[in-house]
N, C-alpha and C. Protein backbone atom coordinates (compact mmCIF):
# COMPACT_ATOMS: atom_id res chain seq x y z
N UNK A 1 -8.15 -6.68 17.32
CA UNK A 1 -8.60 -5.29 17.36
C UNK A 1 -10.09 -5.19 17.02
N UNK A 2 -10.50 -5.87 15.94
CA UNK A 2 -11.89 -5.80 15.51
C UNK A 2 -12.83 -6.40 16.54
N UNK A 3 -12.37 -7.42 17.26
CA UNK A 3 -13.20 -8.08 18.27
C UNK A 3 -13.65 -7.09 19.33
N UNK A 4 -12.72 -6.23 19.77
CA UNK A 4 -13.04 -5.23 20.79
C UNK A 4 -13.82 -4.07 20.18
N UNK A 5 -13.35 -3.59 19.04
CA UNK A 5 -13.85 -2.35 18.47
C UNK A 5 -15.30 -2.44 18.01
N UNK A 6 -15.69 -3.54 17.39
CA UNK A 6 -16.99 -3.60 16.73
C UNK A 6 -18.17 -3.47 17.69
N UNK A 7 -17.94 -3.69 18.98
CA UNK A 7 -19.06 -3.61 19.93
C UNK A 7 -19.18 -2.23 20.56
N UNK A 8 -18.32 -1.28 20.18
CA UNK A 8 -18.32 0.04 20.79
C UNK A 8 -19.16 1.02 19.98
N UNK A 9 -19.86 1.92 20.67
CA UNK A 9 -20.66 2.94 20.00
C UNK A 9 -20.78 4.16 20.90
N UNK A 10 -20.07 5.24 20.51
CA UNK A 10 -20.08 6.47 21.30
C UNK A 10 -19.65 7.62 20.39
N UNK A 11 -20.19 8.83 20.59
CA UNK A 11 -19.83 9.97 19.75
C UNK A 11 -18.35 10.32 19.76
N UNK A 12 -17.63 9.94 20.82
CA UNK A 12 -16.21 10.27 20.90
C UNK A 12 -15.31 9.05 20.73
N UNK A 13 -15.84 8.04 20.07
CA UNK A 13 -15.06 6.85 19.70
C UNK A 13 -15.26 6.61 18.21
N UNK A 14 -14.17 6.40 17.47
CA UNK A 14 -14.26 6.13 16.04
C UNK A 14 -15.17 4.92 15.79
N UNK A 15 -16.03 5.04 14.79
CA UNK A 15 -16.98 3.97 14.50
C UNK A 15 -16.37 2.89 13.62
N UNK A 16 -16.53 1.66 14.04
CA UNK A 16 -16.08 0.50 13.27
C UNK A 16 -17.08 0.23 12.16
N UNK A 17 -16.59 0.10 10.91
CA UNK A 17 -17.49 -0.13 9.78
C UNK A 17 -17.43 -1.56 9.26
N UNK A 18 -16.28 -2.20 9.41
CA UNK A 18 -16.19 -3.57 8.92
C UNK A 18 -14.76 -3.99 8.66
N UNK A 19 -14.60 -5.12 7.99
CA UNK A 19 -13.28 -5.69 7.70
C UNK A 19 -13.24 -6.14 6.25
N UNK A 20 -12.15 -5.83 5.55
CA UNK A 20 -11.94 -6.35 4.20
C UNK A 20 -11.03 -7.57 4.30
N UNK A 21 -11.16 -8.46 3.34
CA UNK A 21 -10.37 -9.70 3.40
C UNK A 21 -9.17 -9.71 2.46
N UNK A 22 -9.23 -8.92 1.38
CA UNK A 22 -8.11 -8.91 0.43
C UNK A 22 -7.75 -7.48 0.04
N UNK A 23 -6.80 -6.86 0.72
CA UNK A 23 -6.05 -7.38 1.87
C UNK A 23 -6.87 -7.28 3.16
N UNK A 24 -6.38 -7.93 4.20
CA UNK A 24 -7.07 -7.91 5.49
C UNK A 24 -6.88 -6.55 6.14
N UNK A 25 -7.95 -5.79 6.23
CA UNK A 25 -7.89 -4.44 6.80
C UNK A 25 -9.17 -4.14 7.55
N UNK A 26 -9.03 -3.31 8.58
CA UNK A 26 -10.20 -2.81 9.30
C UNK A 26 -10.63 -1.49 8.68
N UNK A 27 -11.93 -1.32 8.47
CA UNK A 27 -12.47 -0.11 7.87
C UNK A 27 -13.19 0.70 8.94
N UNK A 28 -12.85 1.99 9.03
CA UNK A 28 -13.49 2.88 10.01
C UNK A 28 -13.91 4.17 9.33
N UNK A 29 -14.55 5.04 10.09
CA UNK A 29 -14.92 6.35 9.57
C UNK A 29 -13.69 7.14 9.16
N UNK A 30 -13.87 8.00 8.16
CA UNK A 30 -12.80 8.89 7.73
C UNK A 30 -12.81 10.14 8.61
N UNK A 31 -11.64 10.50 9.14
CA UNK A 31 -11.51 11.67 9.99
C UNK A 31 -10.68 12.73 9.26
N UNK A 32 -11.33 13.70 8.63
CA UNK A 32 -10.63 14.65 7.75
C UNK A 32 -9.64 15.58 8.43
N UNK A 33 -9.77 15.78 9.74
CA UNK A 33 -8.86 16.70 10.43
C UNK A 33 -7.64 16.01 11.04
N UNK A 34 -7.48 14.73 10.77
CA UNK A 34 -6.27 14.04 11.20
C UNK A 34 -6.19 13.81 12.70
N UNK A 35 -4.96 13.73 13.19
CA UNK A 35 -4.75 13.43 14.61
C UNK A 35 -4.94 14.66 15.48
N UNK A 36 -5.16 14.43 16.75
CA UNK A 36 -5.37 15.53 17.69
C UNK A 36 -4.20 16.50 17.72
N UNK A 37 -2.93 16.04 17.83
CA UNK A 37 -1.82 17.00 17.83
C UNK A 37 -1.73 17.80 16.54
N UNK A 38 -1.97 17.15 15.39
CA UNK A 38 -1.93 17.86 14.11
C UNK A 38 -3.00 18.94 14.06
N UNK A 39 -4.19 18.60 14.53
CA UNK A 39 -5.30 19.55 14.51
C UNK A 39 -5.04 20.74 15.41
N UNK A 40 -4.54 20.48 16.61
CA UNK A 40 -4.27 21.56 17.55
C UNK A 40 -3.17 22.48 17.02
N UNK A 41 -2.13 21.91 16.46
CA UNK A 41 -1.02 22.72 15.95
C UNK A 41 -1.42 23.55 14.73
N UNK A 42 -2.41 23.08 13.99
CA UNK A 42 -2.86 23.80 12.80
C UNK A 42 -3.95 24.83 13.10
N UNK A 43 -4.50 24.77 14.31
CA UNK A 43 -5.61 25.66 14.68
C UNK A 43 -5.33 26.26 16.05
N UNK A 44 -4.64 27.37 16.08
CA UNK A 44 -4.19 27.95 17.35
C UNK A 44 -5.33 28.40 18.25
N UNK A 45 -6.49 28.72 17.67
CA UNK A 45 -7.60 29.22 18.48
C UNK A 45 -8.59 28.13 18.89
N UNK A 46 -8.22 26.88 18.66
CA UNK A 46 -9.14 25.77 18.95
C UNK A 46 -9.44 25.69 20.45
N UNK A 47 -10.60 25.16 20.78
CA UNK A 47 -11.02 24.98 22.18
C UNK A 47 -10.32 23.75 22.76
N UNK A 48 -9.16 23.96 23.33
CA UNK A 48 -8.38 22.84 23.87
C UNK A 48 -9.07 22.17 25.06
N UNK A 49 -9.70 22.96 25.89
CA UNK A 49 -10.40 22.39 27.04
C UNK A 49 -11.53 21.47 26.57
N UNK A 50 -12.25 21.90 25.55
CA UNK A 50 -13.32 21.07 25.02
C UNK A 50 -12.80 19.76 24.45
N UNK A 51 -11.68 19.83 23.74
CA UNK A 51 -11.09 18.62 23.16
C UNK A 51 -10.67 17.63 24.24
N UNK A 52 -10.20 18.18 25.36
CA UNK A 52 -9.76 17.32 26.47
C UNK A 52 -10.94 16.85 27.30
N UNK A 53 -11.75 17.79 27.76
CA UNK A 53 -12.79 17.49 28.76
C UNK A 53 -14.04 16.87 28.14
N UNK A 54 -14.55 17.50 27.10
CA UNK A 54 -15.84 17.08 26.57
C UNK A 54 -15.73 15.93 25.58
N UNK A 55 -14.53 15.67 25.09
CA UNK A 55 -14.43 14.72 23.99
C UNK A 55 -13.47 13.56 24.27
N UNK A 56 -12.17 13.84 24.35
CA UNK A 56 -11.20 12.76 24.55
C UNK A 56 -11.49 11.99 25.83
N UNK A 57 -11.70 12.71 26.92
CA UNK A 57 -11.95 12.05 28.20
C UNK A 57 -13.26 11.28 28.20
N UNK A 58 -14.28 11.84 27.58
CA UNK A 58 -15.56 11.13 27.55
C UNK A 58 -15.45 9.85 26.72
N UNK A 59 -14.65 9.89 25.67
CA UNK A 59 -14.42 8.68 24.90
C UNK A 59 -13.74 7.61 25.73
N UNK A 60 -12.71 8.01 26.49
CA UNK A 60 -12.01 7.06 27.36
C UNK A 60 -12.93 6.54 28.45
N UNK A 61 -13.70 7.42 29.05
CA UNK A 61 -14.60 7.00 30.13
C UNK A 61 -15.64 6.01 29.60
N UNK A 62 -16.09 6.21 28.37
CA UNK A 62 -17.02 5.25 27.77
C UNK A 62 -16.37 3.88 27.63
N UNK A 63 -15.12 3.84 27.15
CA UNK A 63 -14.42 2.56 27.04
C UNK A 63 -14.38 1.85 28.38
N UNK A 64 -14.02 2.59 29.42
CA UNK A 64 -13.92 1.99 30.75
C UNK A 64 -15.29 1.52 31.25
N UNK A 65 -16.34 2.24 30.91
CA UNK A 65 -17.68 1.82 31.33
C UNK A 65 -18.10 0.53 30.63
N UNK A 66 -17.46 0.24 29.50
CA UNK A 66 -17.71 -1.01 28.76
C UNK A 66 -16.68 -2.08 29.13
N UNK A 67 -15.94 -1.83 30.21
CA UNK A 67 -14.90 -2.77 30.68
C UNK A 67 -13.84 -3.00 29.60
N UNK A 68 -13.54 -1.93 28.86
CA UNK A 68 -12.53 -2.00 27.80
C UNK A 68 -11.36 -1.10 28.15
N UNK A 69 -10.15 -1.63 28.03
CA UNK A 69 -8.93 -0.87 28.25
C UNK A 69 -8.35 -0.49 26.90
N UNK A 70 -7.92 0.76 26.75
CA UNK A 70 -7.35 1.15 25.46
C UNK A 70 -5.94 0.60 25.31
N UNK A 71 -5.09 0.88 26.28
CA UNK A 71 -3.75 0.31 26.28
C UNK A 71 -2.70 1.09 25.51
N UNK A 72 -3.11 2.05 24.69
CA UNK A 72 -2.13 2.85 23.94
C UNK A 72 -2.68 4.24 23.66
N UNK A 73 -3.29 4.84 24.68
CA UNK A 73 -3.87 6.16 24.52
C UNK A 73 -2.77 7.19 24.37
N UNK A 74 -2.86 8.00 23.33
CA UNK A 74 -1.91 9.09 23.07
C UNK A 74 -2.52 9.98 21.99
N UNK A 75 -1.96 11.17 21.84
CA UNK A 75 -2.50 12.12 20.88
C UNK A 75 -2.68 11.57 19.48
N UNK A 76 -1.67 10.88 18.92
CA UNK A 76 -1.82 10.34 17.56
C UNK A 76 -2.92 9.29 17.42
N UNK A 77 -3.39 8.73 18.54
CA UNK A 77 -4.47 7.75 18.50
C UNK A 77 -5.83 8.36 18.83
N UNK A 78 -5.87 9.69 18.83
CA UNK A 78 -7.14 10.42 18.95
C UNK A 78 -7.28 11.24 17.68
N UNK A 79 -8.33 11.00 16.92
CA UNK A 79 -8.53 11.68 15.65
C UNK A 79 -9.62 12.74 15.78
N UNK A 80 -9.67 13.65 14.81
CA UNK A 80 -10.63 14.76 14.87
C UNK A 80 -11.51 14.72 13.62
N UNK A 81 -12.82 14.71 13.82
CA UNK A 81 -13.75 14.61 12.70
C UNK A 81 -13.96 15.96 12.01
N UNK A 82 -14.83 15.98 11.03
CA UNK A 82 -15.06 17.19 10.26
C UNK A 82 -15.71 18.31 11.03
N UNK A 83 -16.26 18.02 12.20
CA UNK A 83 -16.89 19.04 13.04
C UNK A 83 -15.95 19.51 14.16
N UNK A 84 -14.71 19.03 14.14
CA UNK A 84 -13.75 19.43 15.17
C UNK A 84 -13.90 18.68 16.47
N UNK A 85 -14.52 17.51 16.44
CA UNK A 85 -14.72 16.71 17.65
C UNK A 85 -13.68 15.60 17.73
N UNK A 86 -13.11 15.41 18.91
CA UNK A 86 -12.10 14.38 19.12
C UNK A 86 -12.75 13.01 19.25
N UNK A 87 -12.12 12.01 18.62
CA UNK A 87 -12.65 10.64 18.63
C UNK A 87 -11.50 9.67 18.94
N UNK A 88 -11.64 8.89 19.98
CA UNK A 88 -10.61 7.92 20.35
C UNK A 88 -10.57 6.82 19.30
N UNK A 89 -9.36 6.43 18.89
CA UNK A 89 -9.20 5.43 17.84
C UNK A 89 -8.05 4.49 18.15
N UNK A 90 -7.73 3.64 17.20
CA UNK A 90 -6.61 2.69 17.23
C UNK A 90 -6.71 1.75 18.43
N UNK A 91 -7.42 0.67 18.23
CA UNK A 91 -7.63 -0.30 19.30
C UNK A 91 -6.76 -1.54 19.16
N UNK A 92 -5.58 -1.35 18.53
CA UNK A 92 -4.67 -2.47 18.33
C UNK A 92 -4.14 -3.07 19.62
N UNK A 93 -4.08 -2.27 20.69
CA UNK A 93 -3.62 -2.77 21.99
C UNK A 93 -4.75 -2.85 23.00
N UNK A 94 -5.97 -2.67 22.52
CA UNK A 94 -7.12 -2.69 23.44
C UNK A 94 -7.38 -4.09 23.96
N UNK A 95 -8.00 -4.15 25.13
CA UNK A 95 -8.34 -5.43 25.73
C UNK A 95 -9.59 -5.30 26.57
N UNK A 96 -10.16 -6.43 26.90
CA UNK A 96 -11.35 -6.45 27.75
C UNK A 96 -10.93 -6.73 29.17
N UNK A 97 -11.39 -5.90 30.10
CA UNK A 97 -10.97 -6.02 31.50
C UNK A 97 -11.89 -6.98 32.25
N UNK A 98 -11.27 -7.84 33.03
CA UNK A 98 -12.02 -8.73 33.94
C UNK A 98 -11.44 -8.52 35.33
N UNK A 99 -12.11 -7.66 36.12
CA UNK A 99 -11.58 -7.33 37.44
C UNK A 99 -10.28 -6.56 37.28
N UNK A 100 -9.21 -7.05 37.90
CA UNK A 100 -7.92 -6.37 37.85
C UNK A 100 -7.12 -6.76 36.60
N UNK A 101 -7.62 -7.73 35.84
CA UNK A 101 -6.83 -8.29 34.76
C UNK A 101 -7.47 -8.02 33.41
N UNK A 102 -6.69 -8.20 32.35
CA UNK A 102 -7.20 -8.01 31.00
C UNK A 102 -7.09 -9.30 30.23
N UNK A 103 -7.95 -9.44 29.22
CA UNK A 103 -7.97 -10.66 28.44
C UNK A 103 -6.79 -10.72 27.49
N UNK A 104 -6.58 -11.83 26.85
CA UNK A 104 -5.45 -12.01 25.96
C UNK A 104 -5.72 -11.56 24.55
N UNK A 105 -6.47 -10.49 24.36
CA UNK A 105 -6.78 -10.00 23.02
C UNK A 105 -5.77 -8.96 22.56
N UNK A 106 -4.64 -8.85 23.23
CA UNK A 106 -3.74 -7.74 22.96
C UNK A 106 -2.31 -8.21 22.81
N UNK A 107 -1.49 -7.30 22.32
CA UNK A 107 -0.05 -7.52 22.23
C UNK A 107 0.61 -6.23 22.67
N UNK A 108 1.73 -6.34 23.37
CA UNK A 108 2.41 -5.13 23.83
C UNK A 108 3.36 -4.56 22.78
N UNK A 109 3.49 -5.23 21.65
CA UNK A 109 4.36 -4.74 20.60
C UNK A 109 3.88 -3.37 20.12
N UNK A 110 4.76 -2.41 20.05
CA UNK A 110 4.40 -1.10 19.55
C UNK A 110 3.98 -0.11 20.62
N UNK A 111 4.02 -0.52 21.88
CA UNK A 111 3.64 0.40 22.95
C UNK A 111 4.57 1.61 22.96
N UNK A 112 4.04 2.78 23.28
CA UNK A 112 4.81 4.01 23.28
C UNK A 112 5.14 4.43 24.70
N UNK A 113 6.44 4.50 25.02
CA UNK A 113 6.85 4.70 26.40
C UNK A 113 6.52 6.09 26.93
N UNK A 114 6.43 7.10 26.08
CA UNK A 114 6.21 8.46 26.57
C UNK A 114 4.86 8.63 27.26
N UNK A 115 3.94 7.75 26.98
CA UNK A 115 2.60 7.83 27.58
C UNK A 115 2.37 6.72 28.61
N UNK A 116 3.38 5.87 28.82
CA UNK A 116 3.20 4.68 29.65
C UNK A 116 3.36 4.95 31.13
N UNK A 117 2.51 4.34 31.93
CA UNK A 117 2.57 4.45 33.39
C UNK A 117 3.75 3.66 33.94
N UNK A 118 4.22 4.01 35.14
CA UNK A 118 5.37 3.29 35.73
C UNK A 118 5.17 1.79 35.81
N UNK A 119 3.98 1.36 36.24
CA UNK A 119 3.75 -0.08 36.41
C UNK A 119 3.78 -0.83 35.09
N UNK A 120 3.44 -0.14 34.00
CA UNK A 120 3.53 -0.75 32.68
C UNK A 120 4.99 -0.88 32.26
N UNK A 121 5.77 0.16 32.50
CA UNK A 121 7.19 0.13 32.16
C UNK A 121 7.94 -0.90 33.00
N UNK A 122 7.54 -1.04 34.26
CA UNK A 122 8.16 -2.05 35.12
C UNK A 122 7.73 -3.47 34.74
N UNK A 123 6.64 -3.59 33.98
CA UNK A 123 6.14 -4.90 33.58
C UNK A 123 5.22 -5.53 34.59
N UNK A 124 4.78 -4.75 35.57
CA UNK A 124 3.86 -5.27 36.59
C UNK A 124 2.50 -5.61 35.99
N UNK A 125 2.02 -4.74 35.10
CA UNK A 125 0.77 -4.98 34.37
C UNK A 125 0.99 -4.61 32.91
N UNK A 126 0.16 -5.16 32.04
CA UNK A 126 0.24 -4.79 30.63
C UNK A 126 -0.78 -3.71 30.28
N UNK A 127 -1.88 -3.69 31.03
CA UNK A 127 -2.92 -2.68 30.79
C UNK A 127 -3.83 -2.60 32.00
N UNK A 128 -4.38 -1.41 32.23
CA UNK A 128 -5.34 -1.22 33.31
C UNK A 128 -6.04 0.12 33.09
N UNK A 129 -7.15 0.32 33.76
CA UNK A 129 -7.83 1.61 33.69
C UNK A 129 -6.92 2.71 34.22
N UNK A 130 -6.18 2.40 35.28
CA UNK A 130 -5.29 3.39 35.88
C UNK A 130 -4.17 3.80 34.92
N UNK A 131 -3.68 2.83 34.14
CA UNK A 131 -2.64 3.14 33.16
C UNK A 131 -3.19 4.00 32.04
N UNK A 132 -4.45 3.77 31.64
CA UNK A 132 -5.09 4.63 30.65
C UNK A 132 -5.24 6.05 31.17
N UNK A 133 -5.58 6.20 32.45
CA UNK A 133 -5.72 7.53 33.05
C UNK A 133 -4.37 8.24 33.07
N UNK A 134 -3.30 7.52 33.39
CA UNK A 134 -1.96 8.09 33.35
C UNK A 134 -1.68 8.63 31.95
N UNK A 135 -1.98 7.84 30.94
CA UNK A 135 -1.74 8.25 29.56
C UNK A 135 -2.59 9.47 29.19
N UNK A 136 -3.82 9.54 29.72
CA UNK A 136 -4.67 10.69 29.45
C UNK A 136 -4.00 11.97 29.95
N UNK A 137 -3.36 11.91 31.12
CA UNK A 137 -2.64 13.07 31.62
C UNK A 137 -1.57 13.54 30.65
N UNK A 138 -0.93 12.60 29.97
CA UNK A 138 0.08 12.95 28.97
C UNK A 138 -0.57 13.58 27.74
N UNK A 139 -1.79 13.14 27.41
CA UNK A 139 -2.51 13.74 26.29
C UNK A 139 -2.81 15.21 26.58
N UNK A 140 -3.13 15.52 27.83
CA UNK A 140 -3.36 16.92 28.22
C UNK A 140 -2.12 17.76 27.89
N UNK A 141 -0.94 17.22 28.22
CA UNK A 141 0.31 17.93 27.91
C UNK A 141 0.42 18.17 26.41
N UNK A 142 0.13 17.15 25.62
CA UNK A 142 0.19 17.29 24.16
C UNK A 142 -0.72 18.41 23.66
N UNK A 143 -1.95 18.41 24.16
CA UNK A 143 -2.94 19.37 23.68
C UNK A 143 -2.52 20.80 23.97
N UNK A 144 -1.90 21.03 25.13
CA UNK A 144 -1.55 22.40 25.52
C UNK A 144 -0.13 22.81 25.16
N UNK A 145 0.67 21.90 24.62
CA UNK A 145 2.03 22.26 24.21
C UNK A 145 2.27 22.05 22.72
N UNK A 146 1.51 21.14 22.12
CA UNK A 146 1.75 20.80 20.72
C UNK A 146 2.92 19.86 20.55
N UNK A 147 3.48 19.39 21.66
CA UNK A 147 4.62 18.47 21.63
C UNK A 147 4.28 17.17 22.36
N UNK A 148 5.03 16.11 22.06
CA UNK A 148 4.87 14.87 22.81
C UNK A 148 5.41 15.07 24.22
N UNK A 149 4.99 14.26 25.18
CA UNK A 149 5.54 14.37 26.55
C UNK A 149 7.05 14.15 26.55
N UNK A 150 7.77 14.92 27.34
CA UNK A 150 9.23 14.83 27.41
C UNK A 150 9.84 14.96 26.00
N UNK A 151 9.36 15.92 25.23
CA UNK A 151 9.75 16.05 23.82
C UNK A 151 11.25 16.23 23.62
N UNK A 152 11.94 16.74 24.64
CA UNK A 152 13.36 17.04 24.51
C UNK A 152 14.26 15.94 25.06
N UNK A 153 13.68 14.77 25.33
CA UNK A 153 14.44 13.66 25.92
C UNK A 153 14.22 12.40 25.09
N UNK A 154 15.27 11.61 24.88
CA UNK A 154 15.14 10.38 24.11
C UNK A 154 14.31 9.36 24.88
N UNK A 155 13.67 8.45 24.15
CA UNK A 155 12.69 7.54 24.75
C UNK A 155 13.25 6.69 25.88
N UNK A 156 14.49 6.21 25.72
CA UNK A 156 15.06 5.35 26.77
C UNK A 156 15.19 6.10 28.09
N UNK A 157 15.50 7.39 28.02
CA UNK A 157 15.60 8.19 29.24
C UNK A 157 14.22 8.50 29.81
N UNK A 158 13.22 8.62 28.93
CA UNK A 158 11.86 8.86 29.40
C UNK A 158 11.41 7.71 30.31
N UNK A 159 11.69 6.48 29.89
CA UNK A 159 11.32 5.32 30.70
C UNK A 159 11.95 5.41 32.08
N UNK A 160 13.23 5.74 32.12
CA UNK A 160 13.96 5.84 33.39
C UNK A 160 13.34 6.91 34.27
N UNK A 161 13.07 8.08 33.69
CA UNK A 161 12.51 9.19 34.46
C UNK A 161 11.12 8.85 35.01
N UNK A 162 10.28 8.27 34.16
CA UNK A 162 8.93 7.92 34.60
C UNK A 162 8.95 6.90 35.72
N UNK A 163 9.79 5.89 35.59
CA UNK A 163 9.86 4.86 36.62
C UNK A 163 10.42 5.39 37.93
N UNK A 164 11.14 6.51 37.85
CA UNK A 164 11.71 7.12 39.05
C UNK A 164 10.89 8.31 39.55
N UNK A 165 9.68 8.44 39.04
CA UNK A 165 8.75 9.43 39.58
C UNK A 165 8.77 10.81 38.94
N UNK A 166 9.56 11.01 37.90
CA UNK A 166 9.59 12.32 37.24
C UNK A 166 8.44 12.43 36.25
N UNK A 167 7.90 13.64 36.12
CA UNK A 167 6.79 13.89 35.21
C UNK A 167 7.06 15.19 34.43
N UNK A 168 6.35 15.41 33.33
CA UNK A 168 6.53 16.67 32.60
C UNK A 168 6.24 17.87 33.49
N UNK A 169 6.99 18.93 33.29
CA UNK A 169 6.74 20.16 34.04
C UNK A 169 5.61 20.94 33.38
N UNK A 170 5.01 21.83 34.15
CA UNK A 170 3.89 22.61 33.61
C UNK A 170 4.38 23.50 32.47
N UNK A 171 3.72 23.44 31.32
CA UNK A 171 4.17 24.22 30.16
C UNK A 171 4.07 25.72 30.41
N UNK A 172 5.09 26.44 30.01
CA UNK A 172 5.07 27.89 30.13
C UNK A 172 4.03 28.48 29.18
N UNK A 173 3.39 29.51 29.61
CA UNK A 173 2.42 30.26 28.82
C UNK A 173 1.17 29.46 28.45
N UNK A 174 1.05 28.23 28.95
CA UNK A 174 -0.11 27.41 28.59
C UNK A 174 -1.39 27.87 29.27
N UNK A 175 -1.26 28.66 30.34
CA UNK A 175 -2.45 29.15 31.04
C UNK A 175 -3.31 30.00 30.10
N UNK A 176 -2.64 30.72 29.20
CA UNK A 176 -3.38 31.55 28.25
C UNK A 176 -4.21 30.70 27.29
N UNK A 177 -3.84 29.43 27.14
CA UNK A 177 -4.57 28.51 26.27
C UNK A 177 -5.65 27.75 27.01
N UNK A 178 -5.74 27.98 28.34
CA UNK A 178 -6.77 27.33 29.13
C UNK A 178 -6.28 26.35 30.17
N UNK A 179 -4.96 26.17 30.27
CA UNK A 179 -4.42 25.23 31.26
C UNK A 179 -4.35 25.93 32.61
N UNK A 180 -5.46 25.93 33.31
CA UNK A 180 -5.57 26.61 34.60
C UNK A 180 -4.88 25.83 35.70
N UNK A 181 -4.78 26.45 36.89
CA UNK A 181 -4.19 25.76 38.05
C UNK A 181 -4.98 24.49 38.37
N UNK A 182 -6.31 24.59 38.30
CA UNK A 182 -7.15 23.44 38.63
C UNK A 182 -6.97 22.30 37.63
N UNK A 183 -6.87 22.65 36.34
CA UNK A 183 -6.69 21.62 35.32
C UNK A 183 -5.32 20.97 35.44
N UNK A 184 -4.30 21.77 35.76
CA UNK A 184 -2.97 21.19 35.93
C UNK A 184 -2.91 20.28 37.16
N UNK A 185 -3.59 20.68 38.23
CA UNK A 185 -3.63 19.84 39.42
C UNK A 185 -4.31 18.51 39.11
N UNK A 186 -5.38 18.55 38.31
CA UNK A 186 -6.05 17.32 37.90
C UNK A 186 -5.12 16.45 37.07
N UNK A 187 -4.36 17.09 36.17
CA UNK A 187 -3.41 16.35 35.33
C UNK A 187 -2.38 15.64 36.18
N UNK A 188 -1.86 16.34 37.18
CA UNK A 188 -0.87 15.72 38.07
C UNK A 188 -1.47 14.55 38.85
N UNK A 189 -2.76 14.65 39.18
CA UNK A 189 -3.39 13.55 39.90
C UNK A 189 -3.51 12.30 39.02
N UNK A 190 -3.51 12.49 37.71
CA UNK A 190 -3.51 11.34 36.79
C UNK A 190 -2.17 10.63 36.77
N UNK A 191 -1.13 11.31 37.26
CA UNK A 191 0.24 10.78 37.20
C UNK A 191 0.74 10.23 38.52
N UNK A 192 -0.12 10.02 39.48
CA UNK A 192 0.34 9.45 40.75
C UNK A 192 1.16 8.19 40.47
N UNK A 193 2.27 8.04 41.20
CA UNK A 193 3.18 6.92 40.92
C UNK A 193 2.52 5.57 41.17
N UNK A 194 1.75 5.49 42.25
CA UNK A 194 1.05 4.25 42.56
C UNK A 194 -0.31 4.26 41.86
N UNK A 195 -0.59 3.23 41.10
CA UNK A 195 -1.83 3.17 40.34
C UNK A 195 -3.06 3.34 41.22
N UNK A 196 -3.02 2.77 42.42
CA UNK A 196 -4.17 2.83 43.33
C UNK A 196 -4.49 4.24 43.79
N UNK A 197 -3.53 5.16 43.67
CA UNK A 197 -3.73 6.53 44.12
C UNK A 197 -4.29 7.44 43.02
N UNK A 198 -4.38 6.94 41.80
CA UNK A 198 -4.88 7.75 40.69
C UNK A 198 -6.40 7.80 40.66
N UNK A 199 -6.91 8.87 40.09
CA UNK A 199 -8.34 8.99 39.88
C UNK A 199 -8.80 8.02 38.81
N UNK A 200 -10.06 7.62 38.87
CA UNK A 200 -10.65 6.87 37.77
C UNK A 200 -11.12 7.84 36.70
N UNK A 201 -11.35 7.35 35.50
CA UNK A 201 -11.77 8.24 34.42
C UNK A 201 -13.09 8.94 34.75
N UNK A 202 -14.01 8.26 35.42
CA UNK A 202 -15.29 8.89 35.78
C UNK A 202 -15.08 9.99 36.81
N UNK A 203 -14.10 9.81 37.71
CA UNK A 203 -13.79 10.85 38.70
C UNK A 203 -13.18 12.07 38.03
N UNK A 204 -12.35 11.83 37.01
CA UNK A 204 -11.76 12.95 36.26
C UNK A 204 -12.86 13.70 35.53
N UNK A 205 -13.81 12.98 34.96
CA UNK A 205 -14.95 13.62 34.29
C UNK A 205 -15.69 14.53 35.26
N UNK A 206 -15.94 14.04 36.47
CA UNK A 206 -16.66 14.83 37.48
C UNK A 206 -15.87 16.08 37.87
N UNK A 207 -14.55 15.92 38.03
CA UNK A 207 -13.71 17.07 38.40
C UNK A 207 -13.73 18.13 37.31
N UNK A 208 -13.58 17.70 36.06
CA UNK A 208 -13.55 18.65 34.96
C UNK A 208 -14.89 19.32 34.75
N UNK A 209 -15.95 18.63 35.09
CA UNK A 209 -17.29 19.22 34.96
C UNK A 209 -17.44 20.41 35.90
N UNK A 210 -16.75 20.36 37.03
CA UNK A 210 -16.84 21.42 38.03
C UNK A 210 -15.96 22.63 37.69
N UNK A 211 -15.06 22.48 36.73
CA UNK A 211 -14.13 23.58 36.41
C UNK A 211 -14.79 24.60 35.49
């Protein structure tokens, strides 16, 4: 984790500070507002679009521009600083991308199926930029519902549904929170079943900039 993390520097990525040896721990910045879902649920008037478009996505796009795959993007792995800005964190499953493949700096232990792309669940790939984009679409659902994706379904069934092309339905009343038709259409484009048909993170940034 430290190997990948220590070389990253971006306003929307948690800053690596160092490593302690006794016990062995990674030290990072303190984020007083906790995780993204916790922050959103505690602050009903928060700018959800800003958290998604200007912050979480820009953090992910920066990782991809550095040829880094997150591998476990989800709401609990995005923290919020004292200024209310989202910062991508937890690089335990992160890896360095070389073309279509990722380096062996990662382990799949602990992966969360609710955010996982079909090809990851099928075991075709362990990580990719396209799989991170799929997970980002699930983060959008979290931000506008306050719940995990498929919150009313057990994890084993979520895997089955995702692999068979099912996706979360558009949240009721979320339009009042900023989930417009255009933003929902973009979210669905992140969930294309075939990885090759999904937008890249930079393309999503461009789309959201136009909204």
